[in-house]
Amino acid sequence: MNNNQIQHELSIIKKMIEKTRQETAESGYLFIFIGIFSAIATFVIGMLEIYKLNQFTLPVMIIMLIVNGIIGYIVASKDAKVEKVKTYPKTIFFNLWIVCGITAIMITFLFPFLKVYPFRAVPVLIPLIMGIAVFTTGTIYELRFIQWYSITWWVGACILVLTKSPFRFIIMIAIIVLGWVIPGFILNKQYRNRSKENEL
């Protein structure tokens, strides 16, 4: 292998690394935007329950589902117009979140509607799925801190089971912030720091 071939292969590896870093930044945006909107929607739902306006809870949940779906679609298709080939980690990442999203929809709407369990159980069950998704995201991008933050979802689910207060929504907001929003900001900060290092 001559020097030109080595340089060419190193260039390919460097591009792949940069691509993966860009993807983790996109993952950060997904976490931040969906996390912030979900936290706001959770607050609204909590207020509706406290003021006995439960008839508006389902519409708010449906709006949250639609907006989060739109956010996910925008982030997923952001660079699809520019690049026709996605890396394997990115493909796994988006497939993971699609599968977990479909499961979350079934847990939130289908099974309570079929009276498998009451709607009150939804805030306990959803964190279990989100914990799996966040943990696996950390595994895909080899980011251990994301795996540690995923524990928030499972611990939060246990706390919610033991809490009977009407202010349970505050716990759920804390779970969302710790399990989605903060990791999202860390992902983006790491990407920006690496970009600066590469410029030097």
C-alpha atoms as a PDB file:
ATOM      1  CA  MET A   1       0.000   0.000   0.000  1.00  0.00           C
ATOM      2  CA  ASN A   2       1.559   3.260  -1.114  1.00  0.00           C
ATOM      3  CA  ASN A   3       1.363   6.632   0.598  1.00  0.00           C
ATOM      4  CA  ASN A   4      -1.467   7.915  -1.621  1.00  0.00           C
ATOM      5  CA  GLN A   5      -3.657   4.925  -0.780  1.00  0.00           C
ATOM      6  CA  ILE A   6      -3.005   5.395   2.927  1.00  0.00           C
ATOM      7  CA  GLN A   7      -3.901   9.085   2.715  1.00  0.00           C
ATOM      8  CA  HIS A   8      -7.047   8.240   0.748  1.00  0.00           C
ATOM      9  CA  GLU A   9      -8.185   5.668   3.327  1.00  0.00           C
ATOM     10  CA  LEU A  10      -7.422   8.038   6.204  1.00  0.00           C
ATOM     11  CA  SER A  11      -9.492  10.698   4.446  1.00  0.00           C
ATOM     12  CA  ILE A  12     -12.435   8.287   4.166  1.00  0.00           C
ATOM     13  CA  ILE A  13     -12.168   7.365   7.857  1.00  0.00           C
ATOM     14  CA  LYS A  14     -12.020  11.055   8.820  1.00  0.00           C
ATOM     15  CA  LYS A  15     -15.157  11.780   6.776  1.00  0.00           C
ATOM     16  CA  MET A  16     -16.976   8.872   8.450  1.00  0.00           C
ATOM     17  CA  ILE A  17     -16.004  10.144  11.913  1.00  0.00           C
ATOM     18  CA  GLU A  18     -17.170  13.661  11.060  1.00  0.00           C
ATOM     19  CA  LYS A  19     -20.406  12.259   9.687  1.00  0.00           C
ATOM     20  CA  THR A  20     -21.043  10.352  12.919  1.00  0.00           C
ATOM     21  CA  ARG A  21     -20.321  13.487  14.950  1.00  0.00           C
ATOM     22  CA  GLN A  22     -22.795  15.418  12.828  1.00  0.00           C
ATOM     23  CA  GLU A  23     -25.368  12.705  13.475  1.00  0.00           C
ATOM     24  CA  THR A  24     -24.876  12.926  17.237  1.00  0.00           C
ATOM     25  CA  ALA A  25     -25.497  16.666  16.947  1.00  0.00           C
ATOM     26  CA  GLU A  26     -28.736  15.906  15.081  1.00  0.00           C
ATOM     27  CA  SER A  27     -29.633  13.427  17.827  1.00  0.00           C
ATOM     28  CA  GLY A  28     -29.080  16.238  20.302  1.00  0.00           C
ATOM     29  CA  TYR A  29     -31.526  18.480  18.438  1.00  0.00           C
ATOM     30  CA  LEU A  30     -34.067  15.652  18.434  1.00  0.00           C
ATOM     31  CA  PHE A  31     -33.696  15.235  22.204  1.00  0.00           C
ATOM     32  CA  ILE A  32     -33.867  18.983  22.879  1.00  0.00           C
ATOM     33  CA  PHE A  33     -36.860  19.881  20.720  1.00  0.00           C
ATOM     34  CA  ILE A  34     -38.975  16.826  21.537  1.00  0.00           C
ATOM     35  CA  GLY A  35     -37.973  17.068  25.192  1.00  0.00           C
ATOM     36  CA  ILE A  36     -38.900  20.736  25.582  1.00  0.00           C
ATOM     37  CA  PHE A  37     -42.222  20.344  23.787  1.00  0.00           C
ATOM     38  CA  SER A  38     -43.061  17.179  25.759  1.00  0.00           C
ATOM     39  CA  ALA A  39     -42.252  18.949  29.037  1.00  0.00           C
ATOM     40  CA  ILE A  40     -44.575  21.843  28.112  1.00  0.00           C
ATOM     41  CA  ALA A  41     -47.346  19.440  27.075  1.00  0.00           C
ATOM     42  CA  THR A  42     -46.902  17.469  30.311  1.00  0.00           C
ATOM     43  CA  PHE A  43     -47.260  20.686  32.310  1.00  0.00           C
ATOM     44  CA  VAL A  44     -50.454  21.577  30.425  1.00  0.00           C
ATOM     45  CA  ILE A  45     -51.876  18.069  30.991  1.00  0.00           C
ATOM     46  CA  GLY A  46     -50.996  18.300  34.696  1.00  0.00           C
ATOM     47  CA  MET A  47     -52.789  21.636  35.003  1.00  0.00           C
ATOM     48  CA  LEU A  48     -55.851  20.269  33.188  1.00  0.00           C
ATOM     49  CA  GLU A  49     -56.038  17.366  35.643  1.00  0.00           C
ATOM     50  CA  ILE A  50     -55.668  19.624  38.672  1.00  0.00           C
ATOM     51  CA  TYR A  51     -58.447  21.938  37.458  1.00  0.00           C
ATOM     52  CA  LYS A  52     -60.680  18.955  36.531  1.00  0.00           C
ATOM     53  CA  LEU A  53     -60.605  19.725  32.814  1.00  0.00           C
ATOM     54  CA  ASN A  54     -59.858  16.129  31.866  1.00  0.00           C
ATOM     55  CA  GLN A  55     -61.889  16.375  28.649  1.00  0.00           C
ATOM     56  CA  PHE A  56     -59.010  18.382  27.148  1.00  0.00           C
ATOM     57  CA  THR A  57     -56.294  15.914  28.168  1.00  0.00           C
ATOM     58  CA  LEU A  58     -56.674  13.584  25.191  1.00  0.00           C
ATOM     59  CA  PRO A  59     -56.609  16.414  22.592  1.00  0.00           C
ATOM     60  CA  VAL A  60     -53.406  17.781  24.162  1.00  0.00           C
ATOM     61  CA  MET A  61     -51.845  14.293  24.066  1.00  0.00           C
ATOM     62  CA  ILE A  62     -52.787  13.932  20.399  1.00  0.00           C
ATOM     63  CA  ILE A  63     -51.290  17.365  19.621  1.00  0.00           C
ATOM     64  CA  MET A  64     -48.104  16.346  21.462  1.00  0.00           C
ATOM     65  CA  LEU A  65     -47.942  13.153  19.397  1.00  0.00           C
ATOM     66  CA  ILE A  66     -48.393  15.015  16.102  1.00  0.00           C
ATOM     67  CA  VAL A  67     -45.880  17.781  16.919  1.00  0.00           C
ATOM     68  CA  ASN A  68     -43.262  15.288  18.141  1.00  0.00           C
ATOM     69  CA  GLY A  69     -43.788  13.278  14.963  1.00  0.00           C
ATOM     70  CA  ILE A  70     -43.247  16.411  12.867  1.00  0.00           C
ATOM     71  CA  ILE A  71     -40.094  17.287  14.830  1.00  0.00           C
ATOM     72  CA  GLY A  72     -38.755  13.761  14.353  1.00  0.00           C
ATOM     73  CA  TYR A  73     -39.516  13.859  10.638  1.00  0.00           C
ATOM     74  CA  ILE A  74     -37.811  17.242  10.163  1.00  0.00           C
ATOM     75  CA  VAL A  75     -34.668  16.115  11.978  1.00  0.00           C
ATOM     76  CA  ALA A  76     -34.618  12.761  10.147  1.00  0.00           C
ATOM     77  CA  SER A  77     -35.082  14.251   6.690  1.00  0.00           C
ATOM     78  CA  LYS A  78     -32.905  17.320   7.251  1.00  0.00           C
ATOM     79  CA  ASP A  79     -29.961  16.029   5.267  1.00  0.00           C
ATOM     80  CA  ALA A  80     -31.837  13.457   3.160  1.00  0.00           C
ATOM     81  CA  LYS A  81     -32.053  15.982   0.313  1.00  0.00           C
ATOM     82  CA  VAL A  82     -28.302  16.515   0.380  1.00  0.00           C
ATOM     83  CA  GLU A  83     -27.029  13.000   1.055  1.00  0.00           C
ATOM     84  CA  LYS A  84     -28.581   9.864  -0.387  1.00  0.00           C
ATOM     85  CA  VAL A  85     -26.574   7.454   1.773  1.00  0.00           C
ATOM     86  CA  LYS A  86     -26.961   7.271   5.542  1.00  0.00           C
ATOM     87  CA  THR A  87     -24.413   5.649   7.820  1.00  0.00           C
ATOM     88  CA  TYR A  88     -25.321   2.428   9.578  1.00  0.00           C
ATOM     89  CA  PRO A  89     -25.445   4.007  13.086  1.00  0.00           C
ATOM     90  CA  LYS A  90     -27.832   6.677  11.838  1.00  0.00           C
ATOM     91  CA  THR A  91     -30.097   4.073  10.219  1.00  0.00           C
ATOM     92  CA  ILE A  92     -30.208   2.072  13.455  1.00  0.00           C
ATOM     93  CA  PHE A  93     -30.823   5.244  15.475  1.00  0.00           C
ATOM     94  CA  PHE A  94     -33.863   6.359  13.481  1.00  0.00           C
ATOM     95  CA  ASN A  95     -35.296   2.833  13.213  1.00  0.00           C
ATOM     96  CA  LEU A  96     -34.932   2.474  16.977  1.00  0.00           C
ATOM     97  CA  TRP A  97     -36.880   5.683  17.614  1.00  0.00           C
ATOM     98  CA  ILE A  98     -39.546   4.786  15.063  1.00  0.00           C
ATOM     99  CA  VAL A  99     -40.122   1.406  16.735  1.00  0.00           C
ATOM    100  CA  CYS A 100     -40.126   2.913  20.239  1.00  0.00           C
ATOM    101  CA  GLY A 101     -42.411   5.703  19.034  1.00  0.00           C
ATOM    102  CA  ILE A 102     -44.944   3.212  17.653  1.00  0.00           C
ATOM    103  CA  THR A 103     -44.780   1.251  20.908  1.00  0.00           C
ATOM    104  CA  ALA A 104     -45.305   4.465  22.902  1.00  0.00           C
ATOM    105  CA  ILE A 105     -48.388   5.288  20.796  1.00  0.00           C
ATOM    106  CA  MET A 106     -49.843   1.845  21.504  1.00  0.00           C
ATOM    107  CA  ILE A 107     -49.131   2.215  25.225  1.00  0.00           C
ATOM    108  CA  THR A 108     -50.570   5.741  25.354  1.00  0.00           C
ATOM    109  CA  PHE A 109     -53.699   5.355  23.243  1.00  0.00           C
ATOM    110  CA  LEU A 110     -54.541   1.820  22.084  1.00  0.00           C
ATOM    111  CA  PHE A 111     -54.236  -0.270  25.251  1.00  0.00           C
ATOM    112  CA  PRO A 112     -55.971   2.206  27.603  1.00  0.00           C
ATOM    113  CA  PHE A 113     -58.761   2.560  25.006  1.00  0.00           C
ATOM    114  CA  LEU A 114     -59.110  -1.247  25.023  1.00  0.00           C
ATOM    115  CA  LYS A 115     -59.207  -1.031  28.851  1.00  0.00           C
ATOM    116  CA  VAL A 116     -56.107  -3.173  29.298  1.00  0.00           C
ATOM    117  CA  TYR A 117     -55.070  -0.658  31.986  1.00  0.00           C
ATOM    118  CA  PRO A 118     -56.199   2.838  33.046  1.00  0.00           C
ATOM    119  CA  PHE A 119     -54.760   6.000  31.467  1.00  0.00           C
ATOM    120  CA  ARG A 120     -53.151   6.731  34.843  1.00  0.00           C
ATOM    121  CA  ALA A 121     -50.659   3.933  34.142  1.00  0.00           C
ATOM    122  CA  VAL A 122     -49.369   5.592  30.945  1.00  0.00           C
ATOM    123  CA  PRO A 123     -46.877   7.971  32.665  1.00  0.00           C
ATOM    124  CA  VAL A 124     -45.322   4.931  34.364  1.00  0.00           C
ATOM    125  CA  LEU A 125     -45.088   2.761  31.236  1.00  0.00           C
ATOM    126  CA  ILE A 126     -43.804   5.367  28.760  1.00  0.00           C
ATOM    127  CA  PRO A 127     -40.541   6.029  30.670  1.00  0.00           C
ATOM    128  CA  LEU A 128     -39.718   2.314  30.454  1.00  0.00           C
ATOM    129  CA  ILE A 129     -39.757   2.493  26.641  1.00  0.00           C
ATOM    130  CA  MET A 130     -37.953   5.849  26.514  1.00  0.00           C
ATOM    131  CA  GLY A 131     -35.256   4.512  28.832  1.00  0.00           C
ATOM    132  CA  ILE A 132     -34.578   1.691  26.369  1.00  0.00           C
ATOM    133  CA  ALA A 133     -34.449   4.137  23.436  1.00  0.00           C
ATOM    134  CA  VAL A 134     -32.089   6.584  25.174  1.00  0.00           C
ATOM    135  CA  PHE A 135     -29.817   3.811  26.496  1.00  0.00           C
ATOM    136  CA  THR A 136     -29.574   2.216  23.051  1.00  0.00           C
ATOM    137  CA  THR A 137     -28.840   5.627  21.502  1.00  0.00           C
ATOM    138  CA  GLY A 138     -25.877   5.927  23.867  1.00  0.00           C
ATOM    139  CA  THR A 139     -24.749   2.449  22.808  1.00  0.00           C
ATOM    140  CA  ILE A 140     -25.059   3.223  19.075  1.00  0.00           C
ATOM    141  CA  TYR A 141     -22.933   6.379  19.305  1.00  0.00           C
ATOM    142  CA  GLU A 142     -20.654   4.946  22.026  1.00  0.00           C
ATOM    143  CA  LEU A 143     -21.536   7.732  24.468  1.00  0.00           C
ATOM    144  CA  ARG A 144     -21.518   6.384  28.002  1.00  0.00           C
ATOM    145  CA  PHE A 145     -22.988   9.539  29.557  1.00  0.00           C
ATOM    146  CA  ILE A 146     -26.147   9.051  27.471  1.00  0.00           C
ATOM    147  CA  GLN A 147     -26.430   5.538  28.885  1.00  0.00           C
ATOM    148  CA  TRP A 148     -26.130   6.928  32.417  1.00  0.00           C
ATOM    149  CA  TYR A 149     -28.798   9.563  31.776  1.00  0.00           C
ATOM    150  CA  SER A 150     -31.149   6.848  30.484  1.00  0.00           C
ATOM    151  CA  ILE A 151     -31.354   5.490  34.036  1.00  0.00           C
ATOM    152  CA  THR A 152     -33.409   8.612  34.835  1.00  0.00           C
ATOM    153  CA  TRP A 153     -36.337   7.140  32.904  1.00  0.00           C
ATOM    154  CA  TRP A 154     -36.401   3.873  34.856  1.00  0.00           C
ATOM    155  CA  VAL A 155     -35.840   5.488  38.240  1.00  0.00           C
ATOM    156  CA  GLY A 156     -38.526   8.039  37.378  1.00  0.00           C
ATOM    157  CA  ALA A 157     -40.992   5.264  36.515  1.00  0.00           C
ATOM    158  CA  CYS A 158     -40.415   3.692  39.941  1.00  0.00           C
ATOM    159  CA  ILE A 159     -40.939   7.049  41.675  1.00  0.00           C
ATOM    160  CA  LEU A 160     -44.160   7.625  39.728  1.00  0.00           C
ATOM    161  CA  VAL A 161     -45.488   4.225  40.832  1.00  0.00           C
ATOM    162  CA  LEU A 162     -44.940   5.188  44.464  1.00  0.00           C
ATOM    163  CA  THR A 163     -46.405   8.705  44.092  1.00  0.00           C
ATOM    164  CA  LYS A 164     -50.136   9.322  44.423  1.00  0.00           C
ATOM    165  CA  SER A 165     -49.973  13.121  44.411  1.00  0.00           C
ATOM    166  CA  PRO A 166     -51.856  15.087  41.710  1.00  0.00           C
ATOM    167  CA  PHE A 167     -48.519  16.835  41.142  1.00  0.00           C
ATOM    168  CA  ARG A 168     -46.965  13.693  39.614  1.00  0.00           C
ATOM    169  CA  PHE A 169     -46.593  15.673  36.389  1.00  0.00           C
ATOM    170  CA  ILE A 170     -43.725  17.616  38.000  1.00  0.00           C
ATOM    171  CA  ILE A 171     -41.823  14.344  38.396  1.00  0.00           C
ATOM    172  CA  MET A 172     -42.529  13.533  34.746  1.00  0.00           C
ATOM    173  CA  ILE A 173     -41.216  16.948  33.656  1.00  0.00           C
ATOM    174  CA  ALA A 174     -38.040  16.341  35.685  1.00  0.00           C
ATOM    175  CA  ILE A 175     -37.633  12.944  33.989  1.00  0.00           C
ATOM    176  CA  ILE A 176     -38.002  14.518  30.541  1.00  0.00           C
ATOM    177  CA  VAL A 177     -35.503  17.293  31.326  1.00  0.00           C
ATOM    178  CA  LEU A 178     -32.917  14.889  32.781  1.00  0.00           C
ATOM    179  CA  GLY A 179     -33.536  12.084  30.299  1.00  0.00           C
ATOM    180  CA  TRP A 180     -33.899  14.063  27.064  1.00  0.00           C
ATOM    181  CA  VAL A 181     -33.161  17.783  27.223  1.00  0.00           C
ATOM    182  CA  ILE A 182     -29.883  17.793  29.175  1.00  0.00           C
ATOM    183  CA  PRO A 183     -28.352  14.893  27.164  1.00  0.00           C
ATOM    184  CA  GLY A 184     -29.393  16.763  23.999  1.00  0.00           C
ATOM    185  CA  PHE A 185     -27.528  19.890  25.053  1.00  0.00           C
ATOM    186  CA  ILE A 186     -24.472  17.811  26.024  1.00  0.00           C
ATOM    187  CA  LEU A 187     -24.509  16.080  22.617  1.00  0.00           C
ATOM    188  CA  ASN A 188     -24.559  19.413  20.816  1.00  0.00           C
ATOM    189  CA  LYS A 189     -21.899  20.912  23.062  1.00  0.00           C
ATOM    190  CA  GLN A 190     -19.587  17.958  22.404  1.00  0.00           C
ATOM    191  CA  TYR A 191     -20.130  18.324  18.668  1.00  0.00           C
ATOM    192  CA  ARG A 192     -19.339  22.049  18.756  1.00  0.00           C
ATOM    193  CA  ASN A 193     -16.201  21.447  20.842  1.00  0.00           C
ATOM    194  CA  ARG A 194     -14.989  18.779  18.409  1.00  0.00           C
ATOM    195  CA  SER A 195     -15.655  21.067  15.458  1.00  0.00           C
ATOM    196  CA  LYS A 196     -13.526  23.791  17.073  1.00  0.00           C
ATOM    197  CA  GLU A 197     -10.722  21.278  17.732  1.00  0.00           C
ATOM    198  CA  ASN A 198     -10.775  20.198  14.088  1.00  0.00           C
ATOM    199  CA  GLU A 199     -10.478  23.816  12.959  1.00  0.00           C
ATOM    200  CA  LEU A 200      -7.271  24.287  14.960  1.00  0.00           C
END
